[in-house]
Amino acid sequence: MKTYFISIAILFTFVTTSMAQAPAANDTIQTTENQVTTQQNNEPQQVQPTETSVTKQHHFDRSKLVIGGSFGLAINNDYMSVNVSPQLGYAFNRFFTAGVGISYNYYNYSDINTTFNYAGLNVYGKVNPIRFIAIQVQPEVYYMWGDYSNHSKTKVIPCVLVGAGFTVPTGRSGGFSAMIYYDVVQYKSDGINYSPYGDQLVYSIGYTFGF
């Protein structure tokens, strides 16, 4: 049984300090032979705002969007599985990326007349503590329906994928990646493990590219 994973990610004060002062006083000195008259006309100071600096504003940057996910396919004599999991994220900086995604998994075991479908939502956070190294945590929740040995079943399945791997940058935001994940929850009911990933490691190899 061979599984192929394709992971694609598209890595997509104002301060007024100037004070222009109008002449605060218009002084008129009138001098006569026997009299000196000093007259002052006090006028309100007029401030002319002048932009001297602009405060850097934080705003949404479309070029930091990460659009990607994974596709998986496995076929054996008595087994077939399909996985489609698109994701949308945002690279806040070169150390941290977070996002959300949806997922669909299909499993068929023809030898035991069992078919499972999983539709779910996930959120993820990926940290690159140092160059080439990536650590990711991805909580998920699935709605499962299907037939187990000709008995219909529906369940809500929680999962938490925890993984690590490496990335090799090849450009401004692109690069090769290889990750290994494991579902640390391993949800079981009635003695059956309903995790869509099973009690095994999940491998993902792909290429990430951006705008």
Protein backbone atom coordinates (compact mmCIF):
# COMPACT_ATOMS: atom_id res chain seq x y z
CA MET A 1 0.00 0.00 0.00
CA LYS A 2 1.42 3.31 -1.06
CA THR A 3 0.18 6.73 -0.09
CA TYR A 4 1.04 9.86 -1.97
CA PHE A 5 0.74 13.25 -0.36
CA ILE A 6 0.80 16.47 -2.28
CA SER A 7 1.02 19.56 -0.09
CA ILE A 8 0.67 22.92 -1.77
CA ALA A 9 0.92 26.21 0.03
CA ILE A 10 0.77 29.55 -1.68
CA LEU A 11 2.51 32.02 0.30
CA PHE A 12 0.38 34.63 -0.16
CA THR A 13 1.94 58.95 13.58
CA PHE A 14 0.62 60.65 12.23
CA VAL A 15 2.16 63.18 14.70
CA THR A 16 1.66 66.91 14.52
CA THR A 17 4.47 68.64 16.29
CA SER A 18 5.06 71.81 14.36
CA MET A 19 3.64 74.93 15.82
CA ALA A 20 3.71 77.94 13.65
CA GLN A 21 3.26 80.96 15.77
CA ALA A 22 1.76 84.08 14.36
CA PRO A 23 3.32 87.17 15.75
CA ALA A 24 2.21 87.19 19.34
CA ALA A 25 2.31 90.87 19.56
CA ASN A 26 2.20 93.69 17.17
CA ASP A 27 4.18 96.34 18.93
CA THR A 28 3.69 99.86 18.01
CA ILE A 29 5.81 102.32 19.79
CA GLN A 30 4.70 105.78 19.49
CA THR A 31 7.06 108.36 20.86
CA THR A 32 6.35 111.92 21.15
CA GLU A 33 8.49 114.59 22.57
CA ASN A 34 6.86 114.23 26.04
CA GLN A 35 5.02 110.89 25.79
CA VAL A 36 5.83 107.32 24.94
CA THR A 37 2.92 105.09 24.06
CA THR A 38 3.39 101.37 23.80
CA GLN A 39 0.57 99.41 22.28
CA GLN A 40 0.38 95.67 22.07
CA ASN A 41 -2.26 93.77 20.21
CA ASN A 42 -2.33 90.27 21.53
CA GLU A 43 -3.74 87.86 18.94
CA PRO A 44 -4.46 84.12 19.32
CA GLN A 45 -1.63 81.92 18.20
CA GLN A 46 -2.36 80.12 14.97
CA VAL A 47 -1.05 76.59 14.68
CA GLN A 48 -0.44 75.27 11.21
CA PRO A 49 -0.26 71.48 11.43
CA THR A 50 2.62 70.10 9.48
CA GLU A 51 3.12 66.40 8.97
CA THR A 52 6.52 65.61 10.34
CA SER A 53 6.21 61.89 10.71
CA VAL A 54 3.86 59.08 9.88
CA THR A 55 3.22 56.25 12.27
CA LYS A 56 3.57 52.83 10.70
CA GLN A 57 0.16 51.18 10.59
CA HIS A 58 -0.36 47.43 10.76
CA HIS A 59 -2.65 46.21 8.02
CA PHE A 60 -3.63 43.05 6.19
CA ASP A 61 -1.01 41.98 3.67
CA ARG A 62 -2.37 39.68 0.96
CA SER A 63 1.12 38.56 0.04
CA LYS A 64 1.30 36.76 3.40
CA LEU A 65 -1.67 34.50 2.64
CA VAL A 66 -0.94 30.79 2.64
CA ILE A 67 -3.26 28.75 0.46
CA GLY A 68 -2.63 25.05 0.31
CA GLY A 69 -3.39 21.75 1.96
CA SER A 70 -2.93 18.12 1.04
CA PHE A 71 -4.21 15.32 -1.14
CA GLY A 72 -3.70 11.68 -0.32
CA LEU A 73 -4.53 8.45 -2.10
CA ALA A 74 -3.89 4.86 -1.04
CA ILE A 75 -5.01 1.74 -2.91
CA ASN A 76 -4.51 -1.90 -2.02
CA ASN A 77 -6.28 -5.13 -2.90
CA ASP A 78 -8.83 -4.82 -0.10
CA TYR A 79 -8.38 -1.20 0.89
CA MET A 80 -8.73 2.30 -0.53
CA SER A 81 -8.49 5.73 1.06
CA VAL A 82 -8.81 9.27 -0.28
CA ASN A 83 -8.00 12.49 1.52
CA VAL A 84 -8.66 16.09 0.38
CA SER A 85 -7.74 18.84 2.84
CA PRO A 86 -7.46 22.46 1.59
CA GLN A 87 -6.27 25.11 4.04
CA LEU A 88 -6.05 28.89 4.25
CA GLY A 89 -3.51 30.56 6.51
CA TYR A 90 -1.62 33.77 7.18
CA ALA A 91 2.12 34.13 7.74
CA PHE A 92 2.34 36.68 10.55
CA ASN A 93 6.14 36.62 10.32
CA ARG A 94 8.87 34.22 9.31
CA PHE A 95 8.49 32.34 12.59
CA PHE A 96 4.72 31.81 12.84
CA THR A 97 1.88 30.87 10.49
CA ALA A 98 -1.72 30.07 11.48
CA GLY A 99 -4.86 29.19 9.58
CA VAL A 100 -8.01 27.12 9.14
CA GLY A 101 -9.04 24.31 6.85
CA ILE A 102 -11.62 21.74 5.87
CA SER A 103 -11.08 18.07 5.23
CA TYR A 104 -12.74 15.03 3.71
CA ASN A 105 -11.54 11.45 4.14
CA TYR A 106 -12.94 8.30 2.57
CA TYR A 107 -12.00 4.76 3.65
CA ASN A 108 -13.18 1.48 2.21
CA TYR A 109 -12.29 -1.98 3.53
CA SER A 110 -13.85 -4.42 1.12
CA ASP A 111 -12.76 -7.53 3.02
CA ILE A 112 -14.85 -6.60 6.08
CA ASN A 113 -17.62 -4.65 4.32
CA THR A 114 -16.69 -1.39 6.01
CA THR A 115 -16.85 2.14 4.65
CA PHE A 116 -16.18 5.35 6.56
CA ASN A 117 -16.60 9.00 5.52
CA TYR A 118 -15.11 11.87 7.52
CA ALA A 119 -15.93 15.57 6.97
CA GLY A 120 -14.19 18.00 9.28
CA LEU A 121 -12.82 21.39 10.22
CA ASN A 122 -9.37 22.21 11.53
CA VAL A 123 -7.20 25.06 12.76
CA TYR A 124 -3.44 24.97 12.77
CA GLY A 125 -0.38 26.81 14.00
CA LYS A 126 3.07 26.30 12.55
CA VAL A 127 6.27 27.55 14.18
CA ASN A 128 9.69 27.75 12.57
CA PRO A 129 11.96 28.14 15.61
CA ILE A 130 15.07 27.98 13.48
CA ARG A 131 15.78 27.87 9.78
CA PHE A 132 14.80 24.56 8.11
CA ILE A 133 12.84 23.27 11.14
CA ALA A 134 9.02 23.34 11.45
CA ILE A 135 6.70 22.33 14.30
CA GLN A 136 2.93 22.17 13.78
CA VAL A 137 -0.13 21.59 15.98
CA GLN A 138 -3.49 21.02 14.30
CA PRO A 139 -6.70 20.42 16.33
CA GLU A 140 -9.51 18.92 14.25
CA VAL A 141 -13.11 17.79 14.65
CA TYR A 142 -14.81 15.37 12.25
CA TYR A 143 -18.31 14.13 11.63
CA MET A 144 -18.07 10.47 10.71
CA TRP A 145 -20.69 8.34 9.01
CA GLY A 146 -20.56 4.93 7.38
CA ASP A 147 -21.07 1.21 7.71
CA TYR A 148 -19.03 -1.06 9.94
CA SER A 149 -19.64 -4.73 9.10
CA ASN A 150 -23.07 -3.81 7.69
CA HIS A 151 -24.00 -1.68 10.74
CA SER A 152 -24.56 2.04 10.22
CA LYS A 153 -22.57 4.35 12.47
CA THR A 154 -22.31 8.11 12.99
CA LYS A 155 -19.97 9.83 15.41
CA VAL A 156 -18.20 13.13 16.17
CA ILE A 157 -14.46 12.46 16.23
CA PRO A 158 -11.90 14.83 17.84
CA CYS A 159 -8.29 14.75 16.67
CA VAL A 160 -5.12 16.69 17.41
CA LEU A 161 -2.28 16.28 14.95
CA VAL A 162 1.16 17.10 16.32
CA GLY A 163 4.07 17.03 13.96
CA ALA A 164 7.53 18.20 13.03
CA GLY A 165 9.74 18.25 10.00
CA PHE A 166 11.95 20.40 7.87
CA THR A 167 11.64 22.93 5.07
CA VAL A 168 14.21 23.93 2.50
CA PRO A 169 13.56 27.48 1.21
CA THR A 170 13.99 27.98 -2.54
CA GLY A 171 12.80 31.57 -2.86
CA ARG A 172 11.03 34.43 -1.15
CA SER A 173 8.29 32.18 0.24
CA GLY A 174 8.70 28.82 -1.43
CA GLY A 175 10.44 25.63 -0.52
CA PHE A 176 10.37 21.89 -0.13
CA SER A 177 8.87 20.43 3.02
CA ALA A 178 8.68 17.04 4.70
CA MET A 179 6.54 16.54 7.82
CA ILE A 180 5.59 13.68 10.13
CA TYR A 181 2.34 13.87 12.17
CA TYR A 182 0.60 11.79 14.80
CA ASP A 183 -2.94 12.01 16.19
CA VAL A 184 -2.40 12.23 19.94
CA VAL A 185 -6.11 11.82 20.79
CA GLN A 186 -6.73 8.39 19.19
CA TYR A 187 -10.49 8.50 19.78
CA LYS A 188 -11.94 5.06 20.55
CA SER A 189 -15.47 3.83 21.11
CA ASP A 190 -16.78 0.28 21.57
CA GLY A 191 -13.22 -0.95 21.26
CA ILE A 192 -12.79 0.60 17.80
CA ASN A 193 -10.27 3.31 16.95
CA TYR A 194 -12.16 5.89 14.89
CA SER A 195 -9.25 8.24 14.26
CA PRO A 196 -9.10 8.99 10.53
CA TYR A 197 -5.33 8.63 10.80
CA GLY A 198 -5.28 5.38 12.74
CA ASP A 199 -2.63 4.51 15.29
CA GLN A 200 0.24 5.32 12.97
CA LEU A 201 2.45 8.14 11.76
CA VAL A 202 1.25 10.34 8.90
CA TYR A 203 3.84 11.45 6.33
CA SER A 204 3.56 14.51 4.14
CA ILE A 205 6.03 15.59 1.47
CA GLY A 206 5.46 18.55 -0.80
CA TYR A 207 6.49 21.88 -2.21
CA THR A 208 5.41 25.26 -0.93
CA PHE A 209 5.35 28.32 -3.17
CA GLY A 210 4.04 31.85 -2.90
CA PHE A 211 3.51 35.06 -4.78
